[in-house]
């Protein structure tokens, strides 16, 4: 996983590589918790995440809440086709969870 903090420490880009599943989720979340307090905007760039299962959904929900709690802006970018299909399915089954926020055109998808 690659973490980049730039713009005088106020923006962070997190780029996971490989799979996001329940084996990798603890490390991904641990890395996100290490961001400096000066960070006010976080982008999850998922272009190199070749596979995402339900753990990826947990990651996105966790990060949405963590950013709200910390007063940060969250952006999701680079969704791959498989991850997008997973979010589409989650949105169809559980629309009250606002999975469409993460989809292209959604509230958190400004970087698509």
C-alpha atoms as a PDB file:
ATOM      1  CA  UNK A   1       0.000   0.000   0.000  1.00  0.00           C
ATOM      2  CA  UNK A   2       1.191   3.493  -0.773  1.00  0.00           C
ATOM      3  CA  UNK A   3       0.346   6.505   1.374  1.00  0.00           C
ATOM      4  CA  UNK A   4       1.119   9.982   0.078  1.00  0.00           C
ATOM      5  CA  UNK A   5       0.650  13.091   2.175  1.00  0.00           C
ATOM      6  CA  UNK A   6       1.099  16.364   0.326  1.00  0.00           C
ATOM      7  CA  UNK A   7       0.137  20.046   0.229  1.00  0.00           C
ATOM      8  CA  UNK A   8       1.809  20.932   3.509  1.00  0.00           C
ATOM      9  CA  UNK A   9       0.295  17.893   5.194  1.00  0.00           C
ATOM     10  CA  UNK A  10      -3.370  18.682   4.514  1.00  0.00           C
ATOM     11  CA  UNK A  11      -4.177  16.161   1.768  1.00  0.00           C
ATOM     12  CA  UNK A  12      -3.527  12.436   1.740  1.00  0.00           C
ATOM     13  CA  UNK A  13      -3.837   9.907  -1.064  1.00  0.00           C
ATOM     14  CA  UNK A  14      -4.054   6.256  -0.054  1.00  0.00           C
ATOM     15  CA  UNK A  15      -3.410   3.783  -2.865  1.00  0.00           C
ATOM     16  CA  UNK A  16      -3.898   0.139  -1.899  1.00  0.00           C
ATOM     17  CA  UNK A  17      -2.354  -2.404  -4.240  1.00  0.00           C
ATOM     18  CA  UNK A  18      -3.604  -5.933  -4.756  1.00  0.00           C
ATOM     19  CA  UNK A  19      -6.626  -7.328  -2.979  1.00  0.00           C
ATOM     20  CA  UNK A  20      -8.799  -5.768  -0.323  1.00  0.00           C
ATOM     21  CA  UNK A  21     -10.196  -8.668   1.668  1.00  0.00           C
ATOM     22  CA  UNK A  22     -10.506  -9.684   5.296  1.00  0.00           C
ATOM     23  CA  UNK A  23      -6.840 -10.771   5.368  1.00  0.00           C
ATOM     24  CA  UNK A  24      -5.578  -7.359   4.229  1.00  0.00           C
ATOM     25  CA  UNK A  25      -8.238  -5.140   5.850  1.00  0.00           C
ATOM     26  CA  UNK A  26      -6.545  -4.786   9.278  1.00  0.00           C
ATOM     27  CA  UNK A  27      -3.317  -3.506   7.680  1.00  0.00           C
ATOM     28  CA  UNK A  28      -5.212  -1.142   5.391  1.00  0.00           C
ATOM     29  CA  UNK A  29      -7.167   0.323   8.307  1.00  0.00           C
ATOM     30  CA  UNK A  30      -4.055   0.547  10.490  1.00  0.00           C
ATOM     31  CA  UNK A  31      -2.282   2.534   7.812  1.00  0.00           C
ATOM     32  CA  UNK A  32      -5.197   4.933   7.482  1.00  0.00           C
ATOM     33  CA  UNK A  33      -5.172   5.551  11.247  1.00  0.00           C
ATOM     34  CA  UNK A  34      -1.545   6.736  10.998  1.00  0.00           C
ATOM     35  CA  UNK A  35      -2.388   9.829   8.956  1.00  0.00           C
ATOM     36  CA  UNK A  36      -1.261  13.072  10.581  1.00  0.00           C
ATOM     37  CA  UNK A  37      -3.919  15.145  12.317  1.00  0.00           C
ATOM     38  CA  UNK A  38      -3.160  17.978   9.873  1.00  0.00           C
ATOM     39  CA  UNK A  39      -4.788  16.006   7.027  1.00  0.00           C
ATOM     40  CA  UNK A  40      -8.156  17.516   6.090  1.00  0.00           C
ATOM     41  CA  UNK A  41      -8.803  15.635   2.824  1.00  0.00           C
ATOM     42  CA  UNK A  42      -8.349  11.908   2.131  1.00  0.00           C
ATOM     43  CA  UNK A  43      -8.554  10.258  -1.272  1.00  0.00           C
ATOM     44  CA  UNK A  44      -8.742   6.493  -1.569  1.00  0.00           C
ATOM     45  CA  UNK A  45      -7.314   5.758  -5.018  1.00  0.00           C
ATOM     46  CA  UNK A  46      -8.484   2.222  -5.820  1.00  0.00           C
ATOM     47  CA  UNK A  47      -7.080   1.916  -9.352  1.00  0.00           C
ATOM     48  CA  UNK A  48      -4.504  -0.691  -8.229  1.00  0.00           C
ATOM     49  CA  UNK A  49      -6.915  -2.688  -6.060  1.00  0.00           C
ATOM     50  CA  UNK A  50      -7.512  -5.604  -8.419  1.00  0.00           C
ATOM     51  CA  UNK A  51     -10.086  -7.270  -6.189  1.00  0.00           C
ATOM     52  CA  UNK A  52     -12.369  -6.152  -3.392  1.00  0.00           C
ATOM     53  CA  UNK A  53     -14.792  -8.323  -1.461  1.00  0.00           C
ATOM     54  CA  UNK A  54     -17.167  -7.413   1.350  1.00  0.00           C
ATOM     55  CA  UNK A  55     -14.124  -6.268   3.346  1.00  0.00           C
ATOM     56  CA  UNK A  56     -13.801  -3.426   0.835  1.00  0.00           C
ATOM     57  CA  UNK A  57     -17.329  -2.369   1.699  1.00  0.00           C
ATOM     58  CA  UNK A  58     -16.358  -2.388   5.382  1.00  0.00           C
ATOM     59  CA  UNK A  59     -13.327  -0.263   4.509  1.00  0.00           C
ATOM     60  CA  UNK A  60     -15.408   2.338   2.692  1.00  0.00           C
ATOM     61  CA  UNK A  61     -18.033   2.551   5.442  1.00  0.00           C
ATOM     62  CA  UNK A  62     -15.328   2.785   8.100  1.00  0.00           C
ATOM     63  CA  UNK A  63     -13.496   5.520   6.212  1.00  0.00           C
ATOM     64  CA  UNK A  64     -16.684   7.490   5.563  1.00  0.00           C
ATOM     65  CA  UNK A  65     -17.373   7.540   9.323  1.00  0.00           C
ATOM     66  CA  UNK A  66     -13.737   8.150  10.300  1.00  0.00           C
ATOM     67  CA  UNK A  67     -13.541  11.136   7.964  1.00  0.00           C
ATOM     68  CA  UNK A  68     -16.831  12.526   9.292  1.00  0.00           C
ATOM     69  CA  UNK A  69     -15.585  12.141  12.864  1.00  0.00           C
ATOM     70  CA  UNK A  70     -12.268  13.842  12.039  1.00  0.00           C
ATOM     71  CA  UNK A  71     -13.836  16.609   9.947  1.00  0.00           C
ATOM     72  CA  UNK A  72     -12.087  15.387   6.796  1.00  0.00           C
ATOM     73  CA  UNK A  73     -13.282  15.322   3.209  1.00  0.00           C
ATOM     74  CA  UNK A  74     -13.353  11.812   1.723  1.00  0.00           C
ATOM     75  CA  UNK A  75     -12.974  11.077  -1.975  1.00  0.00           C
ATOM     76  CA  UNK A  76     -12.967   7.667  -3.665  1.00  0.00           C
ATOM     77  CA  UNK A  77     -11.254   7.420  -7.049  1.00  0.00           C
ATOM     78  CA  UNK A  78     -10.221   4.796  -9.568  1.00  0.00           C
ATOM     79  CA  UNK A  79     -12.858   2.145  -8.873  1.00  0.00           C
ATOM     80  CA  UNK A  80     -12.150  -0.929 -10.969  1.00  0.00           C
ATOM     81  CA  UNK A  81     -14.951  -2.771 -12.753  1.00  0.00           C
ATOM     82  CA  UNK A  82     -15.158  -5.588 -10.177  1.00  0.00           C
ATOM     83  CA  UNK A  83     -15.301  -3.143  -7.264  1.00  0.00           C
ATOM     84  CA  UNK A  84     -17.909  -1.056  -9.045  1.00  0.00           C
ATOM     85  CA  UNK A  85     -20.084  -4.157  -9.601  1.00  0.00           C
ATOM     86  CA  UNK A  86     -19.798  -4.990  -5.895  1.00  0.00           C
ATOM     87  CA  UNK A  87     -20.928  -1.475  -4.947  1.00  0.00           C
ATOM     88  CA  UNK A  88     -23.765  -1.622  -7.493  1.00  0.00           C
ATOM     89  CA  UNK A  89     -24.988  -4.863  -5.937  1.00  0.00           C
ATOM     90  CA  UNK A  90     -24.665  -3.512  -2.390  1.00  0.00           C
ATOM     91  CA  UNK A  91     -26.639  -0.410  -3.414  1.00  0.00           C
ATOM     92  CA  UNK A  92     -29.392  -2.526  -5.012  1.00  0.00           C
ATOM     93  CA  UNK A  93     -29.694  -4.734  -1.924  1.00  0.00           C
ATOM     94  CA  UNK A  94     -29.158  -2.098   0.773  1.00  0.00           C
ATOM     95  CA  UNK A  95     -29.946   1.368  -0.633  1.00  0.00           C
ATOM     96  CA  UNK A  96     -30.385   2.842   2.855  1.00  0.00           C
ATOM     97  CA  UNK A  97     -26.625   2.443   3.388  1.00  0.00           C
ATOM     98  CA  UNK A  98     -25.979   4.967   0.587  1.00  0.00           C
ATOM     99  CA  UNK A  99     -23.522   2.803  -1.362  1.00  0.00           C
ATOM    100  CA  UNK A 100     -24.281   5.031  -4.342  1.00  0.00           C
ATOM    101  CA  UNK A 101     -22.216   7.739  -2.593  1.00  0.00           C
ATOM    102  CA  UNK A 102     -19.114   5.795  -3.669  1.00  0.00           C
ATOM    103  CA  UNK A 103     -20.238   5.166  -7.269  1.00  0.00           C
ATOM    104  CA  UNK A 104     -19.415   7.443 -10.218  1.00  0.00           C
ATOM    105  CA  UNK A 105     -21.521  10.562  -9.840  1.00  0.00           C
ATOM    106  CA  UNK A 106     -22.099   9.901  -6.114  1.00  0.00           C
ATOM    107  CA  UNK A 107     -21.385  12.314  -3.304  1.00  0.00           C
ATOM    108  CA  UNK A 108     -17.928  10.842  -2.576  1.00  0.00           C
ATOM    109  CA  UNK A 109     -16.911  10.180  -6.173  1.00  0.00           C
ATOM    110  CA  UNK A 110     -15.707  13.606  -7.260  1.00  0.00           C
ATOM    111  CA  UNK A 111     -12.399  12.251  -8.585  1.00  0.00           C
ATOM    112  CA  UNK A 112     -13.799   9.844 -11.190  1.00  0.00           C
END
